[in-house]
Amino acid sequence: MAATSQVCYVCHYGTNLPSECVNDPKSWQGGEARVNCPYDCTINAIFNAESGTPTYVYRGCHDSTRDDGCVVVGDTHNCFFSCKDRDYCNGQAMTRSPLLDSDGASTLTPLSSGGLLVSVGSFCTIVLMRLTLTKLYG
């Protein structure tokens, strides 16, 4: 565990959950929006690959060894970002997939088989988190 602590936003967005987590996490009304974090502030997000709109966003605090970035998995863009040593550094808006240019064309090609296995594992983790949160919040 890191010796220093920072403050991170903590919230989640998905079907039937408040949308503040997507672009205004400081206004999150679904619980405590801030947490002291001895690790990295993180964002896991899933976007519709065609429209670029978010379908799931989770902001939190985790010990992370993953690289930042997005991958194409089927008809979604699965993205992960982490930061540390700056309070609220996981507060950027997630209103559109970072993989889409302003004209809506994807800027990333599909993954190799090795990258796909890592992405599928990450996606399964996010799905399990979403199912748990749906069960908790209805």
N, C-alpha and C. Protein backbone atom coordinates (compact mmCIF):
# COMPACT_ATOMS: atom_id res chain seq x y z
N MET A 1 0.84 -1.18 0.00
CA MET A 1 0.00 0.00 0.00
C MET A 1 0.89 1.24 0.00
N ALA A 2 0.50 2.24 -0.74
CA ALA A 2 1.26 3.48 -0.83
C ALA A 2 1.19 4.24 0.48
N ALA A 3 2.24 5.00 0.78
CA ALA A 3 2.30 5.74 2.04
C ALA A 3 1.41 6.98 2.01
N THR A 4 1.22 7.57 0.84
CA THR A 4 0.41 8.79 0.76
C THR A 4 -1.02 8.46 0.35
N SER A 5 -1.88 9.42 0.55
CA SER A 5 -3.28 9.22 0.20
C SER A 5 -3.75 10.40 -0.63
N GLN A 6 -4.68 10.14 -1.50
CA GLN A 6 -5.31 11.17 -2.32
C GLN A 6 -6.81 10.98 -2.20
N VAL A 7 -7.58 11.87 -2.79
CA VAL A 7 -9.02 11.74 -2.79
C VAL A 7 -9.48 11.39 -4.20
N CYS A 8 -10.32 10.37 -4.31
CA CYS A 8 -10.83 9.92 -5.61
C CYS A 8 -12.36 9.99 -5.60
N TYR A 9 -12.92 10.17 -6.79
CA TYR A 9 -14.36 10.03 -6.94
C TYR A 9 -14.70 8.56 -6.96
N VAL A 10 -15.84 8.23 -6.36
CA VAL A 10 -16.35 6.86 -6.35
C VAL A 10 -17.82 6.92 -6.75
N CYS A 11 -18.15 6.31 -7.87
CA CYS A 11 -19.53 6.28 -8.33
C CYS A 11 -19.65 5.25 -9.44
N HIS A 12 -20.86 4.97 -9.85
CA HIS A 12 -21.08 4.05 -10.95
C HIS A 12 -22.32 4.48 -11.74
N TYR A 13 -22.27 4.19 -13.03
CA TYR A 13 -23.37 4.53 -13.92
C TYR A 13 -23.68 3.32 -14.77
N GLY A 14 -24.93 3.07 -14.96
CA GLY A 14 -25.42 2.01 -15.84
C GLY A 14 -26.93 2.17 -15.93
N THR A 15 -27.58 1.22 -16.54
CA THR A 15 -29.02 1.27 -16.65
C THR A 15 -29.65 1.42 -15.26
N ASN A 16 -30.57 2.34 -15.12
CA ASN A 16 -31.29 2.61 -13.88
C ASN A 16 -30.42 3.18 -12.76
N LEU A 17 -29.24 3.70 -13.09
CA LEU A 17 -28.40 4.33 -12.08
C LEU A 17 -28.20 5.80 -12.46
N PRO A 18 -27.97 6.68 -11.48
CA PRO A 18 -27.80 8.10 -11.79
C PRO A 18 -26.69 8.36 -12.81
N SER A 19 -26.90 9.33 -13.69
CA SER A 19 -25.95 9.59 -14.78
C SER A 19 -24.84 10.56 -14.40
N GLU A 20 -24.86 11.15 -13.21
CA GLU A 20 -23.82 12.10 -12.83
C GLU A 20 -22.42 11.50 -12.92
N CYS A 21 -22.30 10.22 -12.73
CA CYS A 21 -21.00 9.57 -12.74
C CYS A 21 -20.32 9.69 -14.11
N VAL A 22 -21.09 9.86 -15.17
CA VAL A 22 -20.53 9.95 -16.51
C VAL A 22 -19.76 11.26 -16.70
N ASN A 23 -20.36 12.39 -16.36
CA ASN A 23 -19.70 13.66 -16.68
C ASN A 23 -19.59 14.64 -15.51
N ASP A 24 -20.15 14.32 -14.35
CA ASP A 24 -20.10 15.24 -13.22
C ASP A 24 -20.05 14.46 -11.90
N PRO A 25 -18.98 13.69 -11.67
CA PRO A 25 -18.95 12.81 -10.49
C PRO A 25 -19.03 13.54 -9.15
N LYS A 26 -18.66 14.82 -9.12
CA LYS A 26 -18.76 15.55 -7.84
C LYS A 26 -20.22 15.73 -7.42
N SER A 27 -21.15 15.59 -8.37
CA SER A 27 -22.58 15.73 -8.08
C SER A 27 -23.28 14.40 -7.85
N TRP A 28 -22.55 13.32 -7.77
CA TRP A 28 -23.11 11.98 -7.57
C TRP A 28 -24.02 11.94 -6.35
N GLN A 29 -25.22 11.44 -6.53
CA GLN A 29 -26.21 11.36 -5.45
C GLN A 29 -26.49 9.94 -5.01
N GLY A 30 -25.76 8.96 -5.56
CA GLY A 30 -26.03 7.56 -5.26
C GLY A 30 -25.27 7.02 -4.07
N GLY A 31 -24.62 7.86 -3.31
CA GLY A 31 -23.83 7.44 -2.16
C GLY A 31 -22.69 8.42 -1.96
N GLU A 32 -21.72 8.04 -1.15
CA GLU A 32 -20.56 8.90 -0.93
C GLU A 32 -19.78 9.04 -2.22
N ALA A 33 -19.56 10.27 -2.67
CA ALA A 33 -18.93 10.54 -3.96
C ALA A 33 -17.41 10.64 -3.87
N ARG A 34 -16.85 10.66 -2.68
CA ARG A 34 -15.41 10.85 -2.52
C ARG A 34 -14.88 9.86 -1.48
N VAL A 35 -13.65 9.42 -1.71
CA VAL A 35 -13.02 8.51 -0.77
C VAL A 35 -11.53 8.81 -0.70
N ASN A 36 -10.97 8.74 0.51
CA ASN A 36 -9.51 8.82 0.64
C ASN A 36 -8.94 7.53 0.11
N CYS A 37 -7.91 7.63 -0.72
CA CYS A 37 -7.42 6.45 -1.43
C CYS A 37 -5.90 6.35 -1.34
N PRO A 38 -5.38 5.25 -0.82
CA PRO A 38 -3.93 5.06 -0.79
C PRO A 38 -3.39 4.42 -2.08
N TYR A 39 -4.26 4.15 -3.03
CA TYR A 39 -3.88 3.51 -4.29
C TYR A 39 -4.07 4.48 -5.45
N ASP A 40 -4.47 3.96 -6.60
CA ASP A 40 -4.76 4.78 -7.78
C ASP A 40 -6.24 5.11 -7.83
N CYS A 41 -6.57 6.31 -8.31
CA CYS A 41 -7.94 6.62 -8.67
C CYS A 41 -8.16 5.97 -10.04
N THR A 42 -9.29 5.30 -10.24
CA THR A 42 -9.49 4.55 -11.48
C THR A 42 -10.84 4.87 -12.12
N ILE A 43 -10.90 4.59 -13.42
CA ILE A 43 -12.15 4.65 -14.18
C ILE A 43 -12.20 3.41 -15.07
N ASN A 44 -13.28 2.66 -14.97
CA ASN A 44 -13.60 1.59 -15.91
C ASN A 44 -14.84 2.05 -16.65
N ALA A 45 -14.81 2.00 -17.97
CA ALA A 45 -15.96 2.47 -18.74
C ALA A 45 -16.18 1.58 -19.96
N ILE A 46 -17.45 1.37 -20.28
CA ILE A 46 -17.83 0.63 -21.48
C ILE A 46 -18.68 1.55 -22.33
N PHE A 47 -18.35 1.62 -23.61
CA PHE A 47 -19.06 2.48 -24.54
C PHE A 47 -19.62 1.66 -25.69
N ASN A 48 -20.74 2.09 -26.23
CA ASN A 48 -21.26 1.51 -27.47
C ASN A 48 -20.29 1.91 -28.58
N ALA A 49 -19.77 0.92 -29.32
CA ALA A 49 -18.75 1.19 -30.33
C ALA A 49 -19.28 2.03 -31.48
N GLU A 50 -20.53 1.89 -31.81
CA GLU A 50 -21.09 2.63 -32.95
C GLU A 50 -21.39 4.09 -32.59
N SER A 51 -22.10 4.29 -31.49
CA SER A 51 -22.51 5.65 -31.12
C SER A 51 -21.48 6.36 -30.24
N GLY A 52 -20.66 5.59 -29.53
CA GLY A 52 -19.69 6.18 -28.62
C GLY A 52 -20.25 6.55 -27.27
N THR A 53 -21.55 6.30 -27.05
CA THR A 53 -22.18 6.67 -25.78
C THR A 53 -21.82 5.66 -24.69
N PRO A 54 -21.67 6.13 -23.45
CA PRO A 54 -21.34 5.22 -22.35
C PRO A 54 -22.53 4.34 -21.98
N THR A 55 -22.24 3.08 -21.70
CA THR A 55 -23.27 2.17 -21.19
C THR A 55 -22.96 1.79 -19.74
N TYR A 56 -21.71 1.98 -19.32
CA TYR A 56 -21.32 1.68 -17.95
C TYR A 56 -20.08 2.49 -17.60
N VAL A 57 -20.08 3.12 -16.44
CA VAL A 57 -18.91 3.85 -15.94
C VAL A 57 -18.78 3.54 -14.45
N TYR A 58 -17.57 3.19 -14.03
CA TYR A 58 -17.29 2.98 -12.61
C TYR A 58 -16.03 3.77 -12.26
N ARG A 59 -16.12 4.61 -11.28
CA ARG A 59 -14.97 5.37 -10.77
C ARG A 59 -14.67 4.86 -9.38
N GLY A 60 -13.39 4.68 -9.06
CA GLY A 60 -13.07 4.17 -7.75
C GLY A 60 -11.62 4.31 -7.38
N CYS A 61 -11.20 3.46 -6.45
CA CYS A 61 -9.86 3.46 -5.86
C CYS A 61 -9.37 2.03 -5.81
N HIS A 62 -8.30 1.75 -6.55
CA HIS A 62 -7.78 0.38 -6.61
C HIS A 62 -6.27 0.38 -6.79
N ASP A 63 -5.63 -0.67 -6.36
CA ASP A 63 -4.22 -0.88 -6.65
C ASP A 63 -4.17 -1.39 -8.09
N SER A 64 -3.64 -0.61 -9.00
CA SER A 64 -3.73 -0.93 -10.41
C SER A 64 -2.37 -1.21 -11.02
N THR A 65 -2.33 -2.27 -11.84
CA THR A 65 -1.14 -2.56 -12.63
C THR A 65 -1.47 -2.56 -14.12
N ARG A 66 -2.71 -2.22 -14.46
CA ARG A 66 -3.14 -2.20 -15.85
C ARG A 66 -2.67 -0.95 -16.55
N ASP A 67 -2.50 -1.04 -17.86
CA ASP A 67 -2.18 0.13 -18.67
C ASP A 67 -3.46 0.89 -18.99
N ASP A 68 -3.35 2.20 -19.08
CA ASP A 68 -4.47 3.03 -19.49
C ASP A 68 -4.76 2.81 -20.97
N GLY A 69 -6.04 2.90 -21.32
CA GLY A 69 -6.41 2.84 -22.72
C GLY A 69 -7.72 2.12 -22.93
N CYS A 70 -8.07 1.98 -24.20
CA CYS A 70 -9.33 1.36 -24.59
C CYS A 70 -9.06 0.24 -25.59
N VAL A 71 -9.92 -0.76 -25.56
CA VAL A 71 -9.85 -1.86 -26.51
C VAL A 71 -11.24 -2.12 -27.08
N VAL A 72 -11.27 -2.65 -28.27
CA VAL A 72 -12.53 -3.01 -28.92
C VAL A 72 -12.84 -4.46 -28.53
N VAL A 73 -14.02 -4.68 -27.96
CA VAL A 73 -14.48 -6.02 -27.62
C VAL A 73 -15.89 -6.15 -28.19
N GLY A 74 -16.01 -6.85 -29.31
CA GLY A 74 -17.30 -6.99 -29.96
C GLY A 74 -17.81 -5.63 -30.39
N ASP A 75 -19.00 -5.28 -29.92
CA ASP A 75 -19.60 -3.99 -30.29
C ASP A 75 -19.44 -2.95 -29.19
N THR A 76 -18.39 -3.11 -28.35
CA THR A 76 -18.13 -2.15 -27.28
C THR A 76 -16.68 -1.69 -27.29
N HIS A 77 -16.46 -0.56 -26.66
CA HIS A 77 -15.12 -0.07 -26.35
C HIS A 77 -14.99 -0.16 -24.84
N ASN A 78 -14.05 -0.96 -24.37
CA ASN A 78 -13.81 -1.11 -22.94
C ASN A 78 -12.58 -0.29 -22.59
N CYS A 79 -12.73 0.65 -21.67
CA CYS A 79 -11.66 1.59 -21.35
C CYS A 79 -11.30 1.53 -19.88
N PHE A 80 -10.03 1.78 -19.60
CA PHE A 80 -9.53 1.82 -18.23
C PHE A 80 -8.54 2.97 -18.12
N PHE A 81 -8.66 3.74 -17.04
CA PHE A 81 -7.73 4.83 -16.78
C PHE A 81 -7.41 4.84 -15.28
N SER A 82 -6.18 5.17 -14.94
CA SER A 82 -5.81 5.30 -13.53
C SER A 82 -4.90 6.52 -13.38
N CYS A 83 -4.86 7.04 -12.17
CA CYS A 83 -4.03 8.20 -11.89
C CYS A 83 -3.74 8.22 -10.40
N LYS A 84 -2.68 8.93 -10.01
CA LYS A 84 -2.37 9.05 -8.59
C LYS A 84 -1.63 10.35 -8.32
N ASP A 85 -1.56 10.68 -7.06
CA ASP A 85 -0.84 11.86 -6.56
C ASP A 85 -1.53 13.18 -6.88
N ARG A 86 -2.80 13.16 -7.25
CA ARG A 86 -3.58 14.39 -7.47
C ARG A 86 -5.01 14.12 -7.02
N ASP A 87 -5.50 14.90 -6.11
CA ASP A 87 -6.88 14.71 -5.64
C ASP A 87 -7.86 14.84 -6.81
N TYR A 88 -8.84 13.94 -6.83
CA TYR A 88 -9.93 13.93 -7.81
C TYR A 88 -9.43 13.80 -9.25
N CYS A 89 -8.31 13.13 -9.46
CA CYS A 89 -7.77 13.03 -10.82
C CYS A 89 -8.59 12.11 -11.71
N ASN A 90 -9.55 11.37 -11.16
CA ASN A 90 -10.41 10.52 -11.99
C ASN A 90 -11.76 11.22 -12.27
N GLY A 91 -11.74 12.53 -12.41
CA GLY A 91 -12.97 13.30 -12.58
C GLY A 91 -13.29 13.71 -14.00
N GLN A 92 -12.48 13.31 -14.99
CA GLN A 92 -12.76 13.75 -16.36
C GLN A 92 -14.07 13.16 -16.87
N ALA A 93 -14.72 13.91 -17.74
CA ALA A 93 -16.00 13.47 -18.33
C ALA A 93 -15.78 12.24 -19.20
N MET A 94 -16.72 11.33 -19.18
CA MET A 94 -16.66 10.11 -19.97
C MET A 94 -17.90 10.04 -20.86
N THR A 95 -18.25 11.14 -21.51
CA THR A 95 -19.48 11.23 -22.28
C THR A 95 -19.40 10.60 -23.66
N ARG A 96 -18.19 10.30 -24.14
CA ARG A 96 -18.02 9.70 -25.47
C ARG A 96 -16.77 8.83 -25.45
N SER A 97 -16.81 7.74 -26.18
CA SER A 97 -15.66 6.84 -26.26
C SER A 97 -14.43 7.58 -26.76
N PRO A 98 -13.31 7.45 -26.06
CA PRO A 98 -12.07 8.07 -26.52
C PRO A 98 -11.58 7.49 -27.86
N LEU A 99 -12.12 6.36 -28.28
CA LEU A 99 -11.69 5.74 -29.52
C LEU A 99 -12.36 6.30 -30.76
N LEU A 100 -13.31 7.19 -30.58
CA LEU A 100 -14.01 7.74 -31.74
C LEU A 100 -13.51 9.13 -32.07
N ASP A 101 -13.23 9.36 -33.33
CA ASP A 101 -12.88 10.70 -33.80
C ASP A 101 -14.15 11.54 -33.84
N SER A 102 -14.00 12.81 -34.11
CA SER A 102 -15.16 13.69 -34.18
C SER A 102 -16.13 13.28 -35.29
N ASP A 103 -15.64 12.53 -36.30
CA ASP A 103 -16.54 12.10 -37.38
C ASP A 103 -17.20 10.76 -37.07
N GLY A 104 -16.91 10.18 -35.88
CA GLY A 104 -17.56 8.94 -35.48
C GLY A 104 -16.85 7.69 -35.93
N ALA A 105 -15.71 7.81 -36.61
CA ALA A 105 -14.99 6.63 -37.07
C ALA A 105 -14.06 6.12 -35.97
N SER A 106 -13.99 4.82 -35.81
CA SER A 106 -13.13 4.22 -34.80
C SER A 106 -11.67 4.43 -35.18
N THR A 107 -10.82 4.74 -34.17
CA THR A 107 -9.40 4.94 -34.41
C THR A 107 -8.57 3.74 -33.98
N LEU A 108 -9.22 2.65 -33.62
CA LEU A 108 -8.48 1.48 -33.14
C LEU A 108 -8.92 0.25 -33.90
N THR A 109 -7.99 -0.61 -34.21
CA THR A 109 -8.32 -1.87 -34.85
C THR A 109 -8.54 -2.92 -33.77
N PRO A 110 -9.24 -4.01 -34.09
CA PRO A 110 -9.47 -5.05 -33.08
C PRO A 110 -8.17 -5.62 -32.53
N LEU A 111 -8.26 -6.18 -31.34
CA LEU A 111 -7.11 -6.71 -30.62
C LEU A 111 -6.58 -8.01 -31.20
N SER A 112 -5.33 -8.29 -30.87
CA SER A 112 -4.77 -9.61 -31.13
C SER A 112 -5.40 -10.58 -30.14
N SER A 113 -5.18 -11.88 -30.33
CA SER A 113 -5.80 -12.86 -29.44
C SER A 113 -5.31 -12.72 -28.01
N GLY A 114 -4.03 -12.38 -27.78
CA GLY A 114 -3.53 -12.20 -26.42
C GLY A 114 -4.18 -11.02 -25.74
N GLY A 115 -4.29 -9.90 -26.45
CA GLY A 115 -4.94 -8.72 -25.89
C GLY A 115 -6.41 -8.96 -25.65
N LEU A 116 -7.02 -9.77 -26.51
CA LEU A 116 -8.44 -10.07 -26.35
C LEU A 116 -8.69 -10.83 -25.06
N LEU A 117 -7.81 -11.77 -24.69
CA LEU A 117 -8.00 -12.53 -23.45
C LEU A 117 -7.96 -11.61 -22.24
N VAL A 118 -7.03 -10.67 -22.22
CA VAL A 118 -6.96 -9.72 -21.11
C VAL A 118 -8.22 -8.87 -21.08
N SER A 119 -8.68 -8.41 -22.24
CA SER A 119 -9.87 -7.57 -22.31
C SER A 119 -11.12 -8.31 -21.89
N VAL A 120 -11.25 -9.55 -22.31
CA VAL A 120 -12.42 -10.35 -21.93
C VAL A 120 -12.43 -10.55 -20.42
N GLY A 121 -11.26 -10.80 -19.83
CA GLY A 121 -11.19 -10.95 -18.37
C GLY A 121 -11.61 -9.67 -17.67
N SER A 122 -11.15 -8.52 -18.16
CA SER A 122 -11.53 -7.23 -17.59
C SER A 122 -13.02 -6.99 -17.75
N PHE A 123 -13.53 -7.31 -18.94
CA PHE A 123 -14.96 -7.12 -19.20
C PHE A 123 -15.79 -7.98 -18.26
N CYS A 124 -15.39 -9.23 -18.03
CA CYS A 124 -16.13 -10.11 -17.13
C CYS A 124 -16.14 -9.55 -15.71
N THR A 125 -15.03 -8.97 -15.27
CA THR A 125 -14.98 -8.34 -13.95
C THR A 125 -15.98 -7.19 -13.87
N ILE A 126 -16.03 -6.37 -14.91
CA ILE A 126 -16.96 -5.23 -14.92
C ILE A 126 -18.40 -5.72 -14.92
N VAL A 127 -18.70 -6.77 -15.69
CA VAL A 127 -20.06 -7.31 -15.73
C VAL A 127 -20.45 -7.83 -14.35
N LEU A 128 -19.56 -8.55 -13.68
CA LEU A 128 -19.87 -9.05 -12.34
C LEU A 128 -20.11 -7.89 -11.36
N MET A 129 -19.30 -6.82 -11.47
CA MET A 129 -19.52 -5.65 -10.62
C MET A 129 -20.88 -5.03 -10.91
N ARG A 130 -21.23 -4.95 -12.18
CA ARG A 130 -22.51 -4.34 -12.57
C ARG A 130 -23.68 -5.16 -12.05
N LEU A 131 -23.59 -6.49 -12.16
CA LEU A 131 -24.66 -7.35 -11.64
C LEU A 131 -24.83 -7.18 -10.14
N THR A 132 -23.72 -7.09 -9.43
CA THR A 132 -23.78 -6.90 -7.98
C THR A 132 -24.42 -5.55 -7.64
N LEU A 133 -24.02 -4.49 -8.35
CA LEU A 133 -24.58 -3.17 -8.08
C LEU A 133 -26.06 -3.11 -8.44
N THR A 134 -26.45 -3.78 -9.53
CA THR A 134 -27.85 -3.82 -9.91
C THR A 134 -28.68 -4.51 -8.84
N LYS A 135 -28.12 -5.57 -8.29
CA LYS A 135 -28.83 -6.30 -7.23
C LYS A 135 -28.97 -5.42 -5.98
N LEU A 136 -27.93 -4.63 -5.68
CA LEU A 136 -27.98 -3.76 -4.51
C LEU A 136 -28.90 -2.57 -4.69
N TYR A 137 -28.91 -1.97 -5.89
CA TYR A 137 -29.65 -0.74 -6.13
C TYR A 137 -30.91 -0.93 -6.94
N GLY A 138 -31.23 -2.18 -7.29
CA GLY A 138 -32.47 -2.44 -8.00
C GLY A 138 -32.31 -2.28 -9.43
